[in-house]
Amino acid sequence: PTSFDNEEKGIQCIIVGGYRRGKPLCGDVDLILTHPDESLTKNLVVDVVASLESSGWITHTLALHLMTSNRDQQTLPYRASNADSTGKNFDTLDKALVVWQDPHFDDTTNQPETETPQEAEEEEHYAKSKRNPNPHRRVDIIISPWRTVGCAVLGWSGDKTFERDLRRYVKKAHGWKFDSSGVRERTSGGQVIDLEADGETWEERERLVMEGLGVGWRGPEERCTR
């Protein structure tokens, strides 16, 4: 869908998760939305969900978190507060966990070529009440500020074991803390380490993050550990 004028605003949509790794079957689809203008990504998830709900694409919103917007889109503090605890919300970015369904379906069967106004009205009422046969899909909509989009894409593209081992390696090799909101120094009071500032695209930024962390570039298909 082209809701929320995403083309006009230049909002970029990146498919991550198992789909990006090439899994033949996925339990859900993970999408990251971002924009170089950070004023557009703050609270963006609220507007996107509202727009997609009103246009019929989202049938259920299971959860909505504003973790990044609530801390002014900054990298998660080295020692997170209870409100920023990753244990409660499993990630550090704004996100919506939704159920998605294509609202468009063919409803032209058994319709007469000519109709009276009354028949047309009855047909319209029937069409509105007809059950949508399109399958429901689970979709996670994640919002990342541009300054750390490389970290977000990397943090959402590996499977659970890959991401866990990556965080452990970064801690042991550099004394840094890595998550999808950015990188911080563990031994200097949590100073932010910007590894991706020179990247002009999200692809370049993801590559710079991996190289800066010391693991080198690994394509998404190489981030499957099971």
Protein backbone atom coordinates (compact mmCIF):
# COMPACT_ATOMS: atom_id res chain seq x y z
CA PRO A 1 0.00 0.00 0.00
CA THR A 2 1.04 3.61 -0.55
CA SER A 3 -0.73 4.92 2.54
CA PHE A 4 0.63 7.81 4.59
CA ASP A 5 2.16 9.44 1.49
CA ASN A 6 5.34 7.42 2.01
CA GLU A 7 6.52 8.11 -1.54
CA GLU A 8 6.16 11.86 -1.12
CA LYS A 9 7.81 11.87 2.30
CA GLY A 10 10.67 9.63 1.14
CA ILE A 11 10.18 7.08 3.90
CA GLN A 12 12.23 3.97 3.18
CA CYS A 13 10.93 0.47 3.89
CA ILE A 14 13.42 -2.36 4.48
CA ILE A 15 12.40 -6.02 4.80
CA VAL A 16 14.49 -7.73 7.47
CA GLY A 17 14.12 -10.83 9.64
CA GLY A 18 13.90 -14.37 8.30
CA TYR A 19 12.54 -13.21 4.94
CA ARG A 20 15.73 -11.25 4.28
CA ARG A 21 17.83 -14.26 5.29
CA GLY A 22 15.99 -16.32 2.67
CA LYS A 23 13.98 -18.61 4.94
CA PRO A 24 11.46 -20.64 2.91
CA LEU A 25 8.83 -20.22 5.63
CA CYS A 26 8.41 -17.23 7.95
CA GLY A 27 6.11 -16.87 10.93
CA ASP A 28 5.92 -13.14 10.34
CA VAL A 29 7.41 -10.34 8.26
CA ASP A 30 9.61 -7.68 9.84
CA LEU A 31 9.76 -4.21 8.25
CA ILE A 32 11.99 -1.29 9.21
CA LEU A 33 10.86 2.21 8.26
CA THR A 34 13.37 5.06 8.28
CA HIS A 35 14.03 8.52 6.86
CA PRO A 36 17.13 10.77 6.79
CA ASP A 37 15.06 13.51 8.45
CA GLU A 38 14.73 12.36 12.05
CA SER A 39 11.82 14.70 12.71
CA LEU A 40 9.75 12.37 10.51
CA THR A 41 10.62 9.15 12.35
CA LYS A 42 9.70 10.38 15.84
CA ASN A 43 6.24 8.94 16.65
CA LEU A 44 6.00 7.78 13.03
CA VAL A 45 4.74 4.35 14.07
CA VAL A 46 1.56 5.89 15.52
CA ASP A 47 0.71 7.67 12.26
CA VAL A 48 1.57 4.66 10.09
CA VAL A 49 -0.59 2.29 12.12
CA ALA A 50 -3.51 4.73 12.21
CA SER A 51 -3.33 5.21 8.44
CA LEU A 52 -3.13 1.48 7.68
CA GLU A 53 -5.95 0.69 10.10
CA SER A 54 -8.24 3.27 8.51
CA SER A 55 -7.50 1.94 5.02
CA GLY A 56 -8.18 -1.64 6.06
CA TRP A 57 -4.69 -3.14 5.81
CA ILE A 58 -4.26 -3.67 9.56
CA THR A 59 -7.06 -5.66 11.17
CA HIS A 60 -5.57 -5.95 14.66
CA THR A 61 -2.82 -4.07 16.51
CA LEU A 62 -1.43 -6.47 19.10
CA ALA A 63 1.12 -4.13 20.66
CA LEU A 64 2.56 -0.67 20.06
CA HIS A 65 5.76 0.60 21.69
CA LEU A 66 7.30 4.09 21.56
CA MET A 67 10.61 3.27 23.19
CA THR A 68 12.78 5.33 20.82
CA SER A 69 10.48 8.34 20.63
CA ASN A 70 10.16 8.42 24.41
CA ARG A 71 13.93 8.87 24.74
CA ASP A 72 14.08 11.42 21.89
CA GLN A 73 15.41 8.82 19.41
CA GLN A 74 18.73 8.46 21.23
CA THR A 75 20.72 5.23 21.50
CA LEU A 76 19.60 3.15 24.46
CA PRO A 77 21.55 4.20 27.59
CA TYR A 78 24.30 1.82 28.68
CA ARG A 79 22.38 1.10 31.86
CA ALA A 80 18.77 1.12 30.77
CA SER A 81 15.98 2.28 33.04
CA ASN A 82 13.05 0.00 33.78
CA ALA A 83 11.05 1.77 31.06
CA ASP A 84 13.75 0.91 28.51
CA SER A 85 14.26 -2.64 29.67
CA THR A 86 14.73 -4.96 26.70
CA GLY A 87 13.45 -7.85 28.76
CA LYS A 88 9.92 -6.46 28.79
CA ASN A 89 9.68 -5.37 25.16
CA PHE A 90 12.40 -7.54 23.52
CA ASP A 91 13.86 -4.61 21.57
CA THR A 92 14.78 -0.96 21.93
CA LEU A 93 13.02 0.66 18.95
CA ASP A 94 9.55 2.02 18.26
CA LYS A 95 7.46 -0.80 16.86
CA ALA A 96 3.97 -2.10 16.19
CA LEU A 97 3.07 -5.78 16.17
CA VAL A 98 0.07 -6.10 13.88
CA VAL A 99 -2.11 -8.48 11.92
CA TRP A 100 -2.16 -7.60 8.23
CA GLN A 101 -4.69 -8.46 5.53
CA ASP A 102 -5.03 -7.26 1.96
CA PRO A 103 -8.43 -5.52 1.96
CA HIS A 104 -8.91 -5.96 -1.79
CA PHE A 105 -10.60 -9.08 -3.12
CA ASP A 106 -12.71 -10.10 -6.10
CA ASP A 107 -16.41 -9.83 -5.36
CA THR A 108 -17.84 -9.85 -8.88
CA THR A 109 -19.29 -13.36 -8.95
CA ASN A 110 -22.95 -13.83 -9.82
CA GLN A 111 -23.58 -10.13 -10.38
CA PRO A 112 -26.23 -9.32 -13.02
CA GLU A 113 -25.28 -7.11 -15.95
CA THR A 114 -28.06 -4.62 -15.16
CA GLU A 115 -29.37 -3.68 -11.75
CA THR A 116 -32.14 -1.53 -10.39
CA PRO A 117 -31.11 1.09 -7.79
CA GLN A 118 -32.55 -1.12 -5.06
CA GLU A 119 -30.62 -4.15 -6.30
CA ALA A 120 -27.43 -2.08 -6.48
CA GLU A 121 -27.92 -0.93 -2.89
CA GLU A 122 -28.51 -4.50 -1.73
CA GLU A 123 -25.43 -5.66 -3.63
CA GLU A 124 -23.30 -2.96 -2.02
CA HIS A 125 -24.53 -3.98 1.42
CA TYR A 126 -23.75 -7.62 0.61
CA ALA A 127 -20.25 -6.76 -0.59
CA LYS A 128 -19.48 -4.89 2.63
CA SER A 129 -20.66 -7.81 4.73
CA LYS A 130 -18.88 -10.49 2.71
CA ARG A 131 -15.97 -12.13 4.49
CA ASN A 132 -12.55 -11.16 3.15
CA PRO A 133 -10.95 -14.44 1.92
CA ASN A 134 -7.38 -13.09 1.91
CA PRO A 135 -5.06 -14.65 4.53
CA HIS A 136 -4.03 -12.78 7.64
CA ARG A 137 -0.31 -12.18 8.14
CA ARG A 138 1.70 -11.22 11.19
CA VAL A 139 3.80 -8.11 10.52
CA ASP A 140 6.19 -6.22 12.79
CA ILE A 141 6.64 -2.55 11.84
CA ILE A 142 9.86 -1.16 13.32
CA ILE A 143 10.95 2.48 13.18
CA SER A 144 14.62 3.48 13.21
CA PRO A 145 16.15 6.96 13.18
CA TRP A 146 18.55 7.36 10.26
CA ARG A 147 21.64 7.91 12.43
CA THR A 148 21.53 4.28 13.61
CA VAL A 149 19.65 2.55 10.80
CA GLY A 150 22.67 0.34 10.07
CA CYS A 151 22.51 -1.01 13.63
CA ALA A 152 18.75 -1.50 13.32
CA VAL A 153 19.00 -3.46 10.07
CA LEU A 154 21.85 -5.58 11.43
CA GLY A 155 20.02 -6.15 14.72
CA TRP A 156 16.87 -7.32 12.94
CA SER A 157 18.44 -9.40 10.15
CA GLY A 158 20.22 -12.17 12.05
CA ASP A 159 18.55 -15.05 13.82
CA LYS A 160 18.46 -15.19 17.61
CA THR A 161 21.72 -17.12 18.07
CA PHE A 162 23.64 -14.94 15.60
CA GLU A 163 22.52 -11.75 17.33
CA ARG A 164 23.29 -13.12 20.80
CA ASP A 165 26.79 -14.21 19.80
CA LEU A 166 27.40 -10.90 18.01
CA ARG A 167 26.59 -8.97 21.19
CA ARG A 168 28.86 -11.24 23.22
CA TYR A 169 31.71 -10.82 20.75
CA VAL A 170 31.39 -7.03 20.72
CA LYS A 171 31.43 -6.95 24.52
CA LYS A 172 34.49 -9.18 24.79
CA ALA A 173 36.50 -7.76 21.87
CA HIS A 174 35.79 -4.03 22.30
CA GLY A 175 34.08 -3.47 25.62
CA TRP A 176 31.08 -2.10 23.71
CA LYS A 177 27.36 -2.65 24.00
CA PHE A 178 25.57 -3.28 20.69
CA ASP A 179 21.85 -3.42 20.04
CA SER A 180 19.48 -2.29 17.31
CA SER A 181 19.49 1.29 18.62
CA GLY A 182 23.26 1.78 18.36
CA VAL A 183 26.64 1.11 19.95
CA ARG A 184 27.90 2.41 23.30
CA GLU A 185 31.19 2.21 25.17
CA ARG A 186 30.90 0.15 28.35
CA THR A 187 33.97 1.59 30.11
CA SER A 188 33.48 5.33 29.60
CA GLY A 189 30.07 5.91 31.07
CA GLY A 190 28.20 4.86 27.95
CA GLN A 191 29.67 7.12 25.26
CA VAL A 192 28.00 6.57 21.87
CA ILE A 193 30.23 4.95 19.22
CA ASP A 194 29.14 6.07 15.75
CA LEU A 195 30.31 3.49 13.22
CA GLU A 196 28.03 4.41 10.33
CA ALA A 197 28.19 8.17 9.91
CA ASP A 198 29.91 7.93 6.51
CA GLY A 199 27.22 5.72 4.97
CA GLU A 200 24.94 7.41 2.44
CA THR A 201 22.49 4.51 2.16
CA TRP A 202 21.15 2.03 4.70
CA GLU A 203 23.08 -0.73 2.91
CA GLU A 204 26.35 1.16 3.31
CA ARG A 205 25.55 1.89 6.94
CA GLU A 206 24.88 -1.75 7.76
CA ARG A 207 28.17 -2.75 6.14
CA LEU A 208 30.07 -0.06 8.06
CA VAL A 209 28.61 -1.27 11.34
CA MET A 210 29.66 -4.88 10.70
CA GLU A 211 33.15 -3.80 9.67
CA GLY A 212 33.42 -1.46 12.65
CA LEU A 213 32.38 -4.21 15.04
CA GLY A 214 35.20 -6.34 13.67
CA VAL A 215 33.22 -9.21 12.16
CA GLY A 216 33.43 -8.07 8.54
CA TRP A 217 30.62 -8.13 6.05
CA ARG A 218 28.37 -11.18 6.11
CA GLY A 219 25.35 -11.27 3.82
CA PRO A 220 21.93 -11.92 5.43
CA GLU A 221 21.94 -15.51 4.17
CA GLU A 222 25.10 -16.12 6.25
CA ARG A 223 23.40 -15.03 9.47
CA CYS A 224 21.45 -18.25 9.90
CA THR A 225 22.80 -20.43 12.70
CA ARG A 226 20.15 -23.13 12.71
